[in-house]
Protein backbone atom coordinates (compact mmCIF):
# COMPACT_ATOMS: atom_id res chain seq x y z
CA UNK A 1 38.54 -2.59 6.28
CA UNK A 2 35.75 -3.80 8.54
CA UNK A 3 36.01 -7.37 9.90
CA UNK A 4 33.19 -8.53 7.63
CA UNK A 5 34.95 -7.14 4.53
CA UNK A 6 37.56 -9.91 4.37
CA UNK A 7 37.20 -12.80 1.90
CA UNK A 8 34.66 -10.91 -0.19
CA UNK A 9 36.46 -9.58 -3.27
CA UNK A 10 38.66 -11.12 -5.95
CA UNK A 11 41.14 -8.37 -6.73
CA UNK A 12 42.93 -8.17 -10.11
CA UNK A 13 46.47 -9.63 -10.38
CA UNK A 14 49.13 -7.38 -8.93
CA UNK A 15 46.76 -5.36 -6.75
CA UNK A 16 48.92 -5.90 -3.66
CA UNK A 17 52.59 -6.70 -3.05
CA UNK A 18 53.17 -9.82 -0.97
CA UNK A 19 56.75 -9.20 0.14
CA UNK A 20 56.12 -5.95 2.06
CA UNK A 21 54.78 -5.29 5.54
CA UNK A 22 51.03 -5.42 6.11
CA UNK A 23 49.22 -4.31 9.25
CA UNK A 24 45.75 -5.86 8.91
CA UNK A 25 45.66 -8.17 5.92
CA UNK A 26 47.83 -10.40 3.79
CA UNK A 27 47.08 -10.70 0.06
CA UNK A 28 46.77 -14.35 -0.97
CA UNK A 29 47.47 -14.92 -4.64
CA UNK A 30 45.50 -17.53 -6.59
CA UNK A 31 46.97 -19.53 -9.45
CA UNK A 32 45.52 -17.13 -12.03
CA UNK A 33 47.05 -14.14 -10.24
CA UNK A 34 43.89 -12.80 -8.63
CA UNK A 35 44.21 -11.85 -4.98
CA UNK A 36 42.09 -12.15 -1.84
CA UNK A 37 42.64 -10.13 1.31
CA UNK A 38 43.01 -12.37 4.37
CA UNK A 39 43.05 -11.03 7.94
CA UNK A 40 46.29 -11.36 9.88
CA UNK A 41 45.98 -13.38 13.10
CA UNK A 42 48.86 -12.77 15.60
CA UNK A 43 50.11 -15.90 17.35
CA UNK A 44 50.57 -16.28 21.10
CA UNK A 45 54.31 -15.57 20.96
CA UNK A 46 53.54 -11.97 20.00
CA UNK A 47 56.13 -12.08 17.24
CA UNK A 48 54.58 -14.17 14.52
CA UNK A 49 51.22 -14.30 12.76
CA UNK A 50 49.34 -16.21 10.09
CA UNK A 51 46.85 -15.26 7.41
CA UNK A 52 43.39 -16.62 8.12
CA UNK A 53 40.66 -18.02 5.87
CA UNK A 54 37.11 -18.77 7.06
CA UNK A 55 35.56 -20.07 3.90
CA UNK A 56 31.93 -20.15 5.02
CA UNK A 57 32.16 -16.38 5.58
CA UNK A 58 33.55 -15.77 2.08
CA UNK A 59 31.49 -14.36 -0.75
CA UNK A 60 29.96 -16.82 -3.19
CA UNK A 61 32.30 -15.45 -5.87
CA UNK A 62 35.38 -16.24 -3.77
CA UNK A 63 34.13 -19.72 -2.81
CA UNK A 64 33.35 -20.45 -6.46
CA UNK A 65 36.82 -19.33 -7.56
CA UNK A 66 38.52 -21.45 -4.90
CA UNK A 67 36.40 -24.49 -5.74
CA UNK A 68 37.11 -24.11 -9.46
CA UNK A 69 40.82 -23.65 -8.84
CA UNK A 70 41.06 -26.71 -6.60
CA UNK A 71 38.90 -28.85 -8.91
CA UNK A 72 41.24 -27.96 -11.78
CA UNK A 73 44.19 -29.25 -9.77
CA UNK A 74 42.39 -32.42 -8.69
CA UNK A 75 41.21 -33.50 -12.14
CA UNK A 76 44.63 -34.91 -12.98
CA UNK A 77 44.18 -37.42 -10.12
CA UNK A 78 40.81 -38.63 -11.50
CA UNK A 79 39.09 -39.03 -8.11
CA UNK A 80 35.93 -41.13 -7.99
CA UNK A 81 34.66 -39.50 -4.82
CA UNK A 82 35.37 -36.42 -2.72
CA UNK A 83 35.53 -36.70 1.08
CA UNK A 84 35.18 -33.50 3.13
CA UNK A 85 36.53 -32.73 6.58
CA UNK A 86 34.35 -30.89 9.09
CA UNK A 87 33.59 -28.25 9.65
CA UNK A 88 34.72 -25.72 7.09
CA UNK A 89 36.17 -28.30 4.73
CA UNK A 90 32.63 -29.44 3.98
CA UNK A 91 31.81 -26.13 2.28
CA UNK A 92 34.75 -26.51 -0.08
CA UNK A 93 34.39 -30.26 -0.64
CA UNK A 94 30.77 -29.92 -1.72
CA UNK A 95 31.59 -27.24 -4.29
CA UNK A 96 34.66 -29.07 -5.60
CA UNK A 97 32.63 -32.25 -6.07
CA UNK A 98 30.14 -30.29 -8.18
CA UNK A 99 32.96 -28.80 -10.27
CA UNK A 100 34.30 -32.31 -10.88
CA UNK A 101 30.91 -33.42 -12.16
CA UNK A 102 30.11 -35.64 -9.19
CA UNK A 103 26.54 -36.07 -8.05
CA UNK A 104 27.42 -36.03 -4.35
CA UNK A 105 30.28 -36.10 -1.88
CA UNK A 106 30.99 -37.85 1.41
CA UNK A 107 31.11 -35.66 4.53
CA UNK A 108 32.96 -36.82 7.60
CA UNK A 109 31.38 -35.64 10.84
CA UNK A 110 31.99 -34.79 14.48
CA UNK A 111 28.40 -35.34 15.63
CA UNK A 112 27.72 -38.95 16.59
CA UNK A 113 24.45 -40.24 15.18
CA UNK A 114 22.89 -43.21 16.94
CA UNK A 115 23.73 -45.56 14.06
CA UNK A 116 27.43 -44.58 14.01
CA UNK A 117 30.06 -47.01 15.24
CA UNK A 118 32.87 -46.09 17.61
CA UNK A 119 35.21 -48.29 15.58
CA UNK A 120 34.67 -45.89 12.69
CA UNK A 121 35.99 -42.87 14.56
CA UNK A 122 39.23 -41.27 15.75
CA UNK A 123 40.07 -38.33 18.05
CA UNK A 124 40.18 -34.94 16.33
CA UNK A 125 41.59 -31.59 17.40
CA UNK A 126 42.05 -28.38 15.43
CA UNK A 127 44.64 -25.60 15.49
CA UNK A 128 41.80 -23.08 15.78
CA UNK A 129 40.16 -24.96 18.69
CA UNK A 130 43.13 -26.70 20.38
CA UNK A 131 41.34 -27.24 23.70
CA UNK A 132 38.40 -29.09 22.14
CA UNK A 133 38.98 -32.78 21.51
CA UNK A 134 36.20 -34.23 19.39
CA UNK A 135 35.83 -37.46 17.47
CA UNK A 136 35.82 -37.73 13.71
CA UNK A 137 33.31 -40.22 12.26
CA UNK A 138 32.54 -41.94 8.99
CA UNK A 139 28.88 -42.70 8.51
CA UNK A 140 28.92 -46.51 8.02
CA UNK A 141 26.33 -46.13 5.25
CA UNK A 142 28.93 -44.25 3.19
CA UNK A 143 31.53 -47.03 3.24
CA UNK A 144 30.42 -48.67 -0.04
CA UNK A 145 31.02 -45.32 -1.77
CA UNK A 146 34.63 -44.96 -0.68
CA UNK A 147 36.04 -48.44 -0.28
CA UNK A 148 38.03 -49.43 -3.40
CA UNK A 149 37.52 -45.90 -4.79
CA UNK A 150 39.95 -43.19 -5.85
CA UNK A 151 39.42 -40.72 -3.01
CA UNK A 152 40.17 -37.00 -2.82
CA UNK A 153 40.32 -35.79 0.80
CA UNK A 154 39.53 -32.09 1.20
CA UNK A 155 39.81 -29.55 4.01
CA UNK A 156 39.55 -25.77 3.85
CA UNK A 157 43.02 -25.08 5.28
CA UNK A 158 46.07 -27.23 5.98
CA UNK A 159 48.17 -25.63 8.71
CA UNK A 160 49.71 -28.02 11.23
CA UNK A 161 48.40 -31.12 9.46
CA UNK A 162 46.66 -32.39 12.60
CA UNK A 163 43.16 -32.61 11.13
CA UNK A 164 44.36 -34.21 7.89
CA UNK A 165 46.30 -36.85 9.82
CA UNK A 166 43.21 -37.70 11.86
CA UNK A 167 41.20 -38.18 8.67
CA UNK A 168 43.97 -40.25 7.10
CA UNK A 169 44.10 -42.47 10.19
CA UNK A 170 40.35 -42.96 10.02
CA UNK A 171 40.41 -43.83 6.34
CA UNK A 172 43.38 -46.16 6.75
CA UNK A 173 41.39 -48.15 9.31
CA UNK A 174 39.22 -49.15 6.35
CA UNK A 175 42.11 -49.71 3.98
CA UNK A 176 41.52 -46.42 2.16
CA UNK A 177 44.41 -44.21 1.01
CA UNK A 178 43.49 -40.96 -0.79
CA UNK A 179 45.03 -40.37 -4.21
CA UNK A 180 45.13 -36.63 -3.46
CA UNK A 181 44.64 -34.21 -0.57
CA UNK A 182 43.26 -30.77 -1.36
CA UNK A 183 42.76 -27.47 0.45
CA UNK A 184 41.95 -23.89 -0.40
CA UNK A 185 44.91 -22.57 1.62
CA UNK A 186 48.24 -24.15 2.53
CA UNK A 187 49.12 -22.11 5.62
CA UNK A 188 52.92 -21.81 5.94
CA UNK A 189 55.08 -24.96 5.63
CA UNK A 190 54.54 -26.35 9.12
CA UNK A 191 52.36 -29.18 7.82
CA UNK A 192 55.00 -30.64 5.50
CA UNK A 193 57.29 -32.35 8.08
CA UNK A 194 54.24 -33.59 9.97
CA UNK A 195 52.71 -35.25 6.91
CA UNK A 196 56.07 -36.57 5.73
CA UNK A 197 56.54 -38.25 9.11
CA UNK A 198 53.05 -39.74 8.85
CA UNK A 199 53.78 -41.24 5.42
CA UNK A 200 56.88 -40.57 3.31
CA UNK A 201 55.99 -38.72 0.13
CA UNK A 202 52.58 -37.62 1.42
CA UNK A 203 53.22 -33.86 0.93
CA UNK A 204 53.74 -34.54 -2.77
CA UNK A 205 50.03 -35.34 -3.26
CA UNK A 206 48.82 -32.19 -1.47
CA UNK A 207 47.24 -29.55 -3.71
CA UNK A 208 46.13 -26.05 -2.74
CA UNK A 209 44.60 -22.99 -4.39
CA UNK A 210 47.21 -20.76 -2.77
CA UNK A 211 49.90 -20.77 -0.10
CA UNK A 212 50.53 -18.21 2.62
CA UNK A 213 53.74 -17.75 4.60
CA UNK A 214 54.48 -17.42 8.27
CA UNK A 215 54.50 -13.70 9.09
CA UNK A 216 56.84 -11.87 11.45
CA UNK A 217 56.21 -8.62 13.28
CA UNK A 218 58.23 -5.57 12.21
CA UNK A 219 57.88 -1.90 13.18
CA UNK A 220 55.77 -1.20 10.10
CA UNK A 221 53.64 -4.35 10.23
CA UNK A 222 53.93 -8.07 9.50
CA UNK A 223 56.27 -9.32 6.80
CA UNK A 224 56.62 -12.84 5.37
CA UNK A 225 59.34 -14.93 6.96
CA UNK A 226 59.49 -16.72 3.62
CA UNK A 227 57.07 -16.82 0.70
CA UNK A 228 55.63 -20.33 0.38
CA UNK A 229 55.70 -21.77 -3.10
């Protein structure tokens, strides 16, 4: 596979085994059994790796399938409004809002417009850009849409939980608690203790299209340490 070939095709159920070693890709399995090939990204310890998803590089067919799958899971929570996390979570949040029949969604941002307020911001870091500390903002004009509303908070991937916790802190400053948190990929289980420590029971309202395990290096490739449910 070429680097640009990842995230492009929805393969039929059972196309790839998940519990064997893989050298370049890990097959993520959607709820309906279809599979997407995700590139394997080795971690700094040289022993472990994770499957990667960059949703704004995915084909329209894959984005549509992920949005439909997540929207199906979120309907039971009856959200009034969808809030998206930058940067890649905005791609998914917009499509999910459409699938839910909403006319718009609310994007959080990391670019400070001149009418933004510092009080409506919190520090934000990402597992993919750990050395870059930004600030996460709510546009004050959007507050009437989300205050006293049933909110769904969406990111593309939940890995360590750092970005989600920043968004939750920002929303809590306005008395807003999401009824559900959604993502395309739940990357390993590392986020669960972090979110549980932030608010007991929080992992129970997290929904994803698929989960991927931590991977461990073996002579014949990377194998799952444990298959996430």
